[in-house]
Amino acid sequence: MEEEEKNPSSIYIVADLLEDIFLRLPLKSILISKSVSKRWRSILESKTFVERRMSLQKKRKILAAYNCKCGWEPRLLPGSSQCKGNEEIVYLHCNAAQPSFTCDGLVCILEPRWIDVLNPWTRQLRRYGFGFGTIFGVGSAFSPRHWAMGFGKDKVTGSYKVVKMCLISFSEICARDPEVEYSVLDVETGEWRMLSPPPYKVFEVRKSECANGSMYWLHKPTERAWTILALDLHKEELHNISVPDMSVTQEIFQIVNLEDRLAIANTYTKTEWKLEIWSMDTEVETWTKTYSIDLENRVASRERRNRWFTPVSVSKQGNIVFYDNHKRLFKYYPRKNEILYLSADTCVISPFFENLAPLPQKSTLHTPIIAGEPNAPLTTLVVVGSIWSPLFLFSVKL
């Protein structure tokens, strides 16, 4: 405000009015506005502005991998692709083989020796070590039999966290009782903290999902039964959640985040071919079957027994977009009871929407990098300010 008082020709605009003006601007204009003044940047990076901007988005896009093994940092490709069903796909230039997680438009990618957290919209990328001496890719090769990872948001503080759990095989348990690591990385501070272990052993789990401030894994405490292991990202406490009775015995099922609610997707392939979706009430942790989609004679049934389907998003009209494990994208219209084939060869990552949340000003990479290895970078670049336009250069701090 002192600068405006020194210049009699300037006009001072209160913060609330400025925020309302910024909310109506396109993304490129907002990124440019960040460089105008510290006051504008403070408003545009505030928690209230970021949340209001996200809530005003009319429609989420679909994020897909543009598979490339060039070794460059992951980045969002300019433009988008329109497909049938009025769906829009944006592509992330990355190695699709690398394990990845998304939350609120941010992407977490596990590299062999570090963790990348990327905001594709602002092109900020932060790099973190695995903490406590852990190095992926050496012996484990990201094997889900050895590690369970997750990425999500603490709904109380708004901070993003990466979770890491060491898994124990049944053979190891029979032989000895090894030390097991449960730890969490705070993306804001770059610090790892140890978690209190659950009161039971954690064996095989499937890929995690984050919904409504908690992390979830399908967990197999015995050789036959499945449950859901839940981690409250604010309290950092683990507990078990039962799965629906009808889900326990089905052939192919997985957990997903549908509109910030945990859901289970079951694909039946034997007596009948259909996709069932169950959604959980977070408060009481009870389940309701929300969709039962008949796939017979609607989806090509070649290799039917080796196919499963994953929901991506649900529209306000209740239409659901889903894909199969052969990279084919579909859309189901419950009112018409119709399935529309949208596209082929689409490596879906997650639903996607704009998030202007700033990442920390610097990366923290504690894991040593061995020079000369294929994935070892010459240096770690930290983007401290960026504008998505060919007319501007990116400000980079070495």
Protein backbone atom coordinates (compact mmCIF):
# COMPACT_ATOMS: atom_id res chain seq x y z
CA MET A 1 0.00 0.00 0.00
CA GLU A 2 2.96 2.34 0.64
CA GLU A 3 3.87 2.22 -3.06
CA GLU A 4 0.36 3.35 -4.06
CA GLU A 5 0.47 6.26 -1.56
CA LYS A 6 3.75 7.52 -3.06
CA ASN A 7 2.22 7.49 -6.53
CA PRO A 8 -0.87 9.77 -6.57
CA SER A 9 -2.02 8.36 -9.93
CA SER A 10 -2.39 4.79 -8.57
CA ILE A 11 -5.67 3.33 -7.33
CA TYR A 12 -5.79 1.08 -4.28
CA ILE A 13 -8.21 -1.86 -4.57
CA VAL A 14 -9.18 -3.81 -1.47
CA ALA A 15 -8.11 -7.46 -1.35
CA ASP A 16 -11.65 -8.90 -1.49
CA LEU A 17 -12.46 -7.01 -4.68
CA LEU A 18 -9.13 -7.98 -6.24
CA GLU A 19 -9.83 -11.64 -5.46
CA ASP A 20 -13.25 -11.43 -7.14
CA ILE A 21 -11.63 -9.90 -10.23
CA PHE A 22 -8.91 -12.55 -10.36
CA LEU A 23 -11.49 -15.34 -10.11
CA ARG A 24 -12.87 -14.34 -13.50
CA LEU A 25 -9.52 -14.30 -15.28
CA PRO A 26 -8.22 -17.17 -17.46
CA LEU A 27 -5.30 -19.22 -16.19
CA LYS A 28 -2.61 -17.50 -18.30
CA SER A 29 -3.64 -14.06 -17.05
CA ILE A 30 -3.50 -15.25 -13.44
CA LEU A 31 0.02 -16.60 -13.88
CA ILE A 32 1.13 -13.31 -15.41
CA SER A 33 -0.54 -11.35 -12.57
CA LYS A 34 1.58 -13.18 -9.98
CA SER A 35 4.65 -11.32 -11.19
CA VAL A 36 3.07 -7.85 -10.91
CA SER A 37 3.54 -7.41 -7.15
CA LYS A 38 4.05 -9.29 -3.91
CA ARG A 39 0.54 -8.29 -2.84
CA TRP A 40 -1.05 -9.79 -5.94
CA ARG A 41 1.03 -12.97 -5.60
CA SER A 42 -0.03 -13.28 -1.96
CA ILE A 43 -3.71 -13.08 -2.95
CA LEU A 44 -3.36 -15.51 -5.86
CA GLU A 45 -1.50 -18.08 -3.75
CA SER A 46 -3.75 -17.79 -0.71
CA LYS A 47 -5.68 -20.85 0.42
CA THR A 48 -9.06 -19.11 0.07
CA PHE A 49 -8.41 -18.02 -3.53
CA VAL A 50 -7.11 -21.45 -4.59
CA GLU A 51 -10.16 -23.20 -3.08
CA ARG A 52 -12.63 -20.70 -4.56
CA ARG A 53 -11.04 -21.03 -7.98
CA MET A 54 -11.27 -24.83 -7.83
CA SER A 55 -14.92 -24.76 -6.71
CA LEU A 56 -15.91 -22.57 -9.68
CA GLN A 57 -14.70 -25.04 -12.29
CA LYS A 58 -17.69 -26.24 -14.27
CA LYS A 59 -16.13 -29.45 -15.57
CA ARG A 60 -13.16 -31.64 -14.89
CA LYS A 61 -10.92 -32.84 -17.66
CA ILE A 62 -9.32 -36.27 -18.00
CA LEU A 63 -5.57 -36.54 -17.45
CA ALA A 64 -3.82 -39.14 -19.63
CA ALA A 65 -0.18 -40.10 -20.04
CA TYR A 66 1.64 -39.18 -23.22
CA ASN A 67 4.10 -42.01 -22.79
CA CYS A 68 7.74 -41.09 -23.34
CA LYS A 69 10.98 -42.44 -21.87
CA CYS A 70 13.16 -39.47 -22.83
CA GLY A 71 14.15 -38.83 -19.20
CA TRP A 72 12.98 -35.20 -19.12
CA GLU A 73 10.95 -33.88 -16.20
CA PRO A 74 7.19 -34.57 -16.49
CA ARG A 75 5.14 -31.68 -17.87
CA LEU A 76 1.68 -30.93 -19.16
CA LEU A 77 1.50 -30.69 -22.93
CA PRO A 78 -0.20 -27.57 -24.36
CA GLY A 79 -3.69 -27.91 -25.73
CA SER A 80 -6.18 -30.72 -25.25
CA SER A 81 -8.06 -33.37 -27.20
CA GLN A 82 -11.83 -33.47 -27.58
CA CYS A 83 -13.47 -36.87 -27.84
CA LYS A 84 -17.00 -38.20 -28.02
CA GLY A 85 -19.38 -37.60 -25.15
CA ASN A 86 -18.17 -33.99 -24.76
CA GLU A 87 -15.09 -35.16 -22.83
CA GLU A 88 -11.77 -33.31 -22.90
CA ILE A 89 -8.40 -35.03 -22.46
CA VAL A 90 -5.15 -33.31 -21.48
CA TYR A 91 -1.82 -35.13 -21.70
CA LEU A 92 1.07 -35.36 -19.26
CA HIS A 93 4.44 -35.95 -20.93
CA CYS A 94 5.91 -38.67 -18.72
CA ASN A 95 7.01 -42.28 -18.51
CA ALA A 96 3.70 -44.14 -18.09
CA ALA A 97 5.53 -47.11 -16.56
CA GLN A 98 6.49 -45.10 -13.48
CA PRO A 99 4.04 -45.39 -10.54
CA SER A 100 2.06 -42.18 -10.08
CA PHE A 101 -0.67 -40.71 -7.87
CA THR A 102 -2.83 -37.59 -8.18
CA CYS A 103 -4.69 -35.36 -5.74
CA ASP A 104 -6.51 -32.10 -6.51
CA GLY A 105 -4.72 -31.74 -9.85
CA LEU A 106 -1.23 -32.31 -8.39
CA VAL A 107 0.75 -35.32 -9.58
CA CYS A 108 3.18 -37.42 -7.52
CA ILE A 109 5.55 -39.62 -9.55
CA LEU A 110 7.87 -42.22 -8.04
CA GLU A 111 11.26 -42.29 -9.72
CA PRO A 112 13.86 -44.95 -8.88
CA ARG A 113 15.78 -42.64 -6.51
CA TRP A 114 13.46 -39.75 -5.69
CA ILE A 115 9.88 -38.53 -5.57
CA ASP A 116 8.59 -35.81 -7.92
CA VAL A 117 5.59 -33.67 -6.96
CA LEU A 118 4.31 -31.63 -9.89
CA ASN A 119 1.69 -28.94 -10.31
CA PRO A 120 1.13 -29.21 -14.09
CA TRP A 121 -0.81 -25.93 -14.27
CA THR A 122 1.91 -23.73 -12.74
CA ARG A 123 4.72 -26.02 -13.99
CA GLN A 124 6.23 -26.15 -10.52
CA LEU A 125 8.13 -29.37 -9.85
CA ARG A 126 9.62 -30.32 -6.51
CA ARG A 127 11.93 -33.26 -5.91
CA TYR A 128 12.28 -35.17 -2.62
CA GLY A 129 14.42 -38.03 -1.35
CA PHE A 130 12.70 -41.18 -0.11
CA GLY A 131 13.89 -40.58 3.43
CA PHE A 132 15.46 -42.92 5.98
CA GLY A 133 17.88 -44.37 3.42
CA THR A 134 15.24 -46.02 1.23
CA ILE A 135 16.01 -46.30 -2.48
CA PHE A 136 13.45 -47.70 -4.89
CA GLY A 137 14.40 -49.57 -8.01
CA VAL A 138 17.27 -51.43 -6.35
CA GLY A 139 15.98 -54.97 -6.06
CA SER A 140 12.38 -53.90 -5.56
CA ALA A 141 11.76 -52.18 -8.95
CA PHE A 142 8.69 -50.48 -7.43
CA SER A 143 7.27 -53.90 -6.58
CA PRO A 144 3.95 -53.57 -4.71
CA ARG A 145 5.01 -56.66 -2.79
CA HIS A 146 7.67 -54.61 -1.01
CA TRP A 147 6.25 -51.10 -0.66
CA ALA A 148 2.91 -49.34 -0.40
CA MET A 149 2.91 -45.66 -1.35
CA GLY A 150 0.27 -42.94 -1.42
CA PHE A 151 -0.24 -39.23 -2.05
CA GLY A 152 -3.03 -37.10 -0.62
CA LYS A 153 -4.18 -33.96 1.16
CA ASP A 154 -4.75 -33.25 4.85
CA LYS A 155 -8.25 -31.72 4.75
CA VAL A 156 -7.69 -29.84 8.03
CA THR A 157 -4.40 -28.06 7.26
CA GLY A 158 -4.53 -28.28 3.45
CA SER A 159 -1.00 -29.72 3.30
CA TYR A 160 -0.08 -32.46 0.82
CA LYS A 161 1.60 -35.61 2.06
CA VAL A 162 3.38 -38.67 0.67
CA VAL A 163 3.00 -41.91 2.63
CA LYS A 164 5.34 -44.89 2.55
CA MET A 165 4.85 -48.33 4.11
CA CYS A 166 7.13 -51.34 3.96
CA LEU A 167 5.17 -54.54 3.31
CA ILE A 168 5.90 -57.92 4.83
CA SER A 169 5.53 -61.20 2.97
CA PHE A 170 4.00 -64.22 4.63
CA SER A 171 7.32 -66.07 4.36
CA GLU A 172 9.16 -63.30 6.24
CA ILE A 173 6.60 -63.31 9.03
CA CYS A 174 6.98 -67.05 9.48
CA ALA A 175 10.73 -66.71 9.73
CA ARG A 176 11.13 -63.60 11.90
CA ASP A 177 9.51 -60.37 13.00
CA PRO A 178 11.39 -57.68 11.04
CA GLU A 179 11.29 -53.93 11.59
CA VAL A 180 8.70 -52.29 9.37
CA GLU A 181 8.81 -48.69 8.20
CA TYR A 182 5.72 -46.48 8.21
CA SER A 183 6.54 -42.87 7.35
CA VAL A 184 5.00 -39.69 5.93
CA LEU A 185 6.54 -36.80 3.97
CA ASP A 186 5.13 -33.30 4.40
CA VAL A 187 5.48 -31.72 0.94
CA GLU A 188 5.53 -28.21 2.42
CA THR A 189 8.46 -28.76 4.79
CA GLY A 190 10.19 -31.62 2.94
CA GLU A 191 10.53 -33.56 6.20
CA TRP A 192 9.85 -37.26 6.75
CA ARG A 193 8.29 -38.43 10.01
CA MET A 194 7.83 -41.95 11.30
CA LEU A 195 4.26 -43.14 11.86
CA SER A 196 3.05 -45.44 14.59
CA PRO A 197 2.53 -48.87 13.04
CA PRO A 198 -0.94 -50.43 12.96
CA PRO A 199 -1.74 -53.10 15.58
CA TYR A 200 -1.44 -55.81 12.89
CA LYS A 201 0.96 -56.83 10.14
CA VAL A 202 0.50 -55.31 6.68
CA PHE A 203 0.91 -57.80 3.85
CA GLU A 204 -0.21 -57.40 0.26
CA VAL A 205 -1.97 -54.17 -0.73
CA ARG A 206 -3.14 -52.65 -4.00
CA LYS A 207 -2.65 -49.11 -5.30
CA SER A 208 -3.78 -46.42 -2.90
CA GLU A 209 -6.50 -43.80 -3.28
CA CYS A 210 -7.00 -40.57 -1.35
CA ALA A 211 -10.50 -39.23 -0.63
CA ASN A 212 -11.84 -36.70 1.85
CA GLY A 213 -8.58 -36.35 3.77
CA SER A 214 -7.73 -40.03 4.16
CA MET A 215 -5.53 -42.54 2.34
CA TYR A 216 -6.87 -45.99 1.53
CA TRP A 217 -5.36 -49.30 0.42
CA LEU A 218 -7.03 -52.59 -0.36
CA HIS A 219 -5.32 -54.79 2.19
CA LYS A 220 -5.08 -58.56 2.37
CA PRO A 221 -4.46 -59.54 6.03
CA THR A 222 -4.96 -63.23 5.21
CA GLU A 223 -4.53 -65.24 2.04
CA ARG A 224 -8.27 -65.10 1.29
CA ALA A 225 -9.86 -62.04 2.91
CA TRP A 226 -9.62 -58.41 1.79
CA THR A 227 -10.21 -55.31 3.92
CA ILE A 228 -9.40 -51.61 3.47
CA LEU A 229 -6.53 -50.04 5.38
CA ALA A 230 -7.27 -46.34 6.06
CA LEU A 231 -4.90 -43.58 7.16
CA ASP A 232 -6.30 -40.28 8.44
CA LEU A 233 -3.78 -37.78 6.97
CA HIS A 234 -4.39 -35.24 9.74
CA LYS A 235 -4.32 -37.51 12.79
CA GLU A 236 -1.84 -39.83 10.99
CA GLU A 237 -3.57 -42.88 12.47
CA LEU A 238 -4.28 -46.20 10.74
CA HIS A 239 -7.41 -48.31 11.04
CA ASN A 240 -9.32 -51.00 9.15
CA ILE A 241 -12.55 -50.64 7.16
CA SER A 242 -14.68 -53.60 6.10
CA VAL A 243 -15.65 -54.02 2.45
CA PRO A 244 -19.21 -54.69 1.24
CA ASP A 245 -20.31 -58.30 1.64
CA MET A 246 -20.88 -58.70 -2.09
CA SER A 247 -17.39 -57.43 -2.87
CA VAL A 248 -15.45 -59.93 -0.79
CA THR A 249 -15.81 -62.89 -3.14
CA GLN A 250 -15.76 -61.14 -6.51
CA GLU A 251 -13.08 -61.77 -9.10
CA ILE A 252 -11.71 -58.30 -9.91
CA PHE A 253 -12.24 -55.31 -7.65
CA GLN A 254 -10.36 -52.11 -6.84
CA ILE A 255 -10.79 -48.88 -4.92
CA VAL A 256 -11.16 -45.48 -6.62
CA ASN A 257 -11.93 -41.87 -5.73
CA LEU A 258 -15.26 -40.79 -7.21
CA GLU A 259 -16.09 -37.14 -6.50
CA ASP A 260 -13.98 -37.21 -3.30
CA ARG A 261 -15.72 -40.32 -2.00
CA LEU A 262 -14.09 -43.72 -1.67
CA ALA A 263 -15.65 -46.26 -4.02
CA ILE A 264 -15.13 -49.91 -4.92
CA ALA A 265 -15.40 -51.06 -8.53
CA ASN A 266 -16.19 -54.77 -9.14
CA THR A 267 -15.94 -56.36 -12.57
CA TYR A 268 -17.90 -59.62 -12.92
CA THR A 269 -16.71 -61.85 -15.77
CA LYS A 270 -18.07 -65.36 -15.22
CA THR A 271 -21.82 -65.95 -14.99
CA GLU A 272 -22.59 -62.37 -16.02
CA TRP A 273 -20.51 -59.53 -17.35
CA LYS A 274 -21.10 -56.29 -15.50
CA LEU A 275 -19.46 -53.49 -13.56
CA GLU A 276 -20.73 -52.69 -10.07
CA ILE A 277 -19.72 -49.56 -8.14
CA TRP A 278 -20.15 -49.15 -4.38
CA SER A 279 -19.64 -45.78 -2.63
CA MET A 280 -18.74 -45.29 1.02
CA ASP A 281 -20.28 -42.80 3.45
CA THR A 282 -17.14 -41.38 5.08
CA GLU A 283 -18.80 -40.41 8.36
CA VAL A 284 -20.17 -43.86 9.25
CA GLU A 285 -18.05 -45.96 6.86
CA THR A 286 -21.02 -47.80 5.34
CA TRP A 287 -21.45 -48.81 1.69
CA THR A 288 -24.16 -48.22 -0.92
CA LYS A 289 -24.32 -49.73 -4.40
CA THR A 290 -24.59 -46.75 -6.75
CA TYR A 291 -24.13 -48.32 -10.21
CA SER A 292 -24.67 -51.69 -11.85
CA ILE A 293 -23.61 -51.48 -15.51
CA ASP A 294 -24.45 -54.38 -17.80
CA LEU A 295 -21.50 -54.89 -20.19
CA GLU A 296 -22.94 -57.82 -22.17
CA ASN A 297 -23.39 -57.03 -25.89
CA ARG A 298 -22.34 -53.41 -25.27
CA VAL A 299 -18.58 -53.72 -24.96
CA ALA A 300 -16.46 -55.95 -27.18
CA SER A 301 -16.08 -59.13 -25.15
CA ARG A 302 -12.81 -60.48 -26.54
CA GLU A 303 -10.55 -61.57 -23.66
CA ARG A 304 -13.48 -60.94 -21.35
CA ARG A 305 -12.01 -62.86 -18.44
CA ASN A 306 -8.85 -60.74 -18.47
CA ARG A 307 -10.57 -57.35 -18.55
CA TRP A 308 -11.52 -55.05 -15.72
CA PHE A 309 -12.94 -51.55 -15.64
CA THR A 310 -12.07 -48.46 -13.61
CA PRO A 311 -14.42 -45.48 -13.05
CA VAL A 312 -12.91 -42.03 -13.65
CA SER A 313 -15.57 -39.39 -12.99
CA VAL A 314 -19.29 -38.78 -12.57
CA SER A 315 -21.09 -35.80 -14.13
CA LYS A 316 -23.84 -33.76 -12.47
CA GLN A 317 -26.33 -35.72 -14.60
CA GLY A 318 -25.00 -39.00 -13.18
CA ASN A 319 -23.19 -40.06 -16.35
CA ILE A 320 -20.03 -42.00 -15.56
CA VAL A 321 -16.76 -42.19 -17.52
CA PHE A 322 -14.73 -45.39 -17.12
CA TYR A 323 -11.91 -47.24 -18.89
CA ASP A 324 -10.61 -50.80 -19.18
CA ASN A 325 -7.15 -52.27 -18.75
CA HIS A 326 -6.66 -52.19 -22.54
CA LYS A 327 -6.68 -48.34 -22.57
CA ARG A 328 -10.22 -47.98 -23.97
CA LEU A 329 -12.44 -45.20 -22.68
CA PHE A 330 -16.23 -45.40 -22.27
CA LYS A 331 -19.14 -43.33 -20.98
CA TYR A 332 -22.30 -44.75 -19.42
CA TYR A 333 -25.65 -42.90 -19.52
CA PRO A 334 -27.91 -44.36 -16.78
CA ARG A 335 -31.10 -42.64 -17.98
CA LYS A 336 -30.72 -44.06 -21.49
CA ASN A 337 -28.98 -47.21 -20.21
CA GLU A 338 -26.41 -46.78 -22.99
CA ILE A 339 -22.63 -47.11 -23.20
CA LEU A 340 -20.72 -44.83 -25.57
CA TYR A 341 -17.25 -45.81 -26.78
CA LEU A 342 -15.09 -42.67 -26.48
CA SER A 343 -11.51 -43.43 -27.51
CA ALA A 344 -8.78 -46.06 -27.83
CA ASP A 345 -5.17 -46.17 -26.69
CA THR A 346 -5.81 -43.68 -23.87
CA CYS A 347 -3.61 -44.24 -20.82
CA VAL A 348 -5.85 -42.60 -18.22
CA ILE A 349 -4.22 -41.30 -15.03
CA SER A 350 -7.11 -39.58 -13.25
CA PRO A 351 -9.78 -36.90 -13.49
CA PHE A 352 -8.09 -33.53 -13.70
CA PHE A 353 -8.87 -29.94 -12.86
CA GLU A 354 -7.06 -26.67 -12.40
CA ASN A 355 -5.20 -26.15 -9.12
CA LEU A 356 -3.14 -23.02 -8.48
CA ALA A 357 -1.83 -24.16 -5.10
CA PRO A 358 1.85 -23.14 -4.85
CA LEU A 359 4.48 -25.73 -4.05
CA PRO A 360 7.40 -24.96 -1.68
CA GLN A 361 10.08 -22.64 -3.00
CA LYS A 362 12.72 -25.34 -3.02
CA SER A 363 13.14 -29.08 -3.31
CA THR A 364 14.73 -31.28 -0.68
CA LEU A 365 16.64 -34.25 -2.02
CA HIS A 366 18.32 -36.18 0.78
CA THR A 367 18.86 -39.42 -1.12
CA PRO A 368 22.33 -39.37 -2.73
CA ILE A 369 22.40 -39.46 -6.52
CA ILE A 370 25.07 -41.65 -8.10
CA ALA A 371 26.73 -39.86 -11.02
CA GLY A 372 26.62 -41.64 -14.36
CA GLU A 373 23.40 -43.57 -13.72
CA PRO A 374 20.73 -43.34 -16.47
CA ASN A 375 18.26 -41.39 -14.33
CA ALA A 376 20.79 -39.21 -12.52
CA PRO A 377 20.26 -35.55 -13.45
CA LEU A 378 23.13 -33.16 -14.01
CA THR A 379 21.46 -30.78 -11.55
CA THR A 380 18.12 -30.31 -9.83
CA LEU A 381 16.10 -27.44 -11.25
CA VAL A 382 13.61 -25.61 -9.06
CA VAL A 383 11.03 -23.51 -10.89
CA VAL A 384 10.22 -20.52 -8.72
CA GLY A 385 7.91 -18.73 -11.12
CA SER A 386 6.50 -19.69 -14.48
CA ILE A 387 4.16 -18.55 -17.24
CA TRP A 388 2.69 -20.94 -19.78
CA SER A 389 3.38 -19.03 -22.97
CA PRO A 390 5.99 -19.27 -25.72
CA LEU A 391 6.51 -15.52 -25.33
CA PHE A 392 7.90 -15.81 -21.79
CA LEU A 393 10.92 -17.49 -20.27
CA PHE A 394 10.80 -19.51 -17.07
CA SER A 395 12.60 -18.23 -13.98
CA VAL A 396 14.80 -21.05 -12.71
CA LYS A 397 16.89 -21.26 -9.54
CA LEU A 398 19.83 -23.68 -9.51
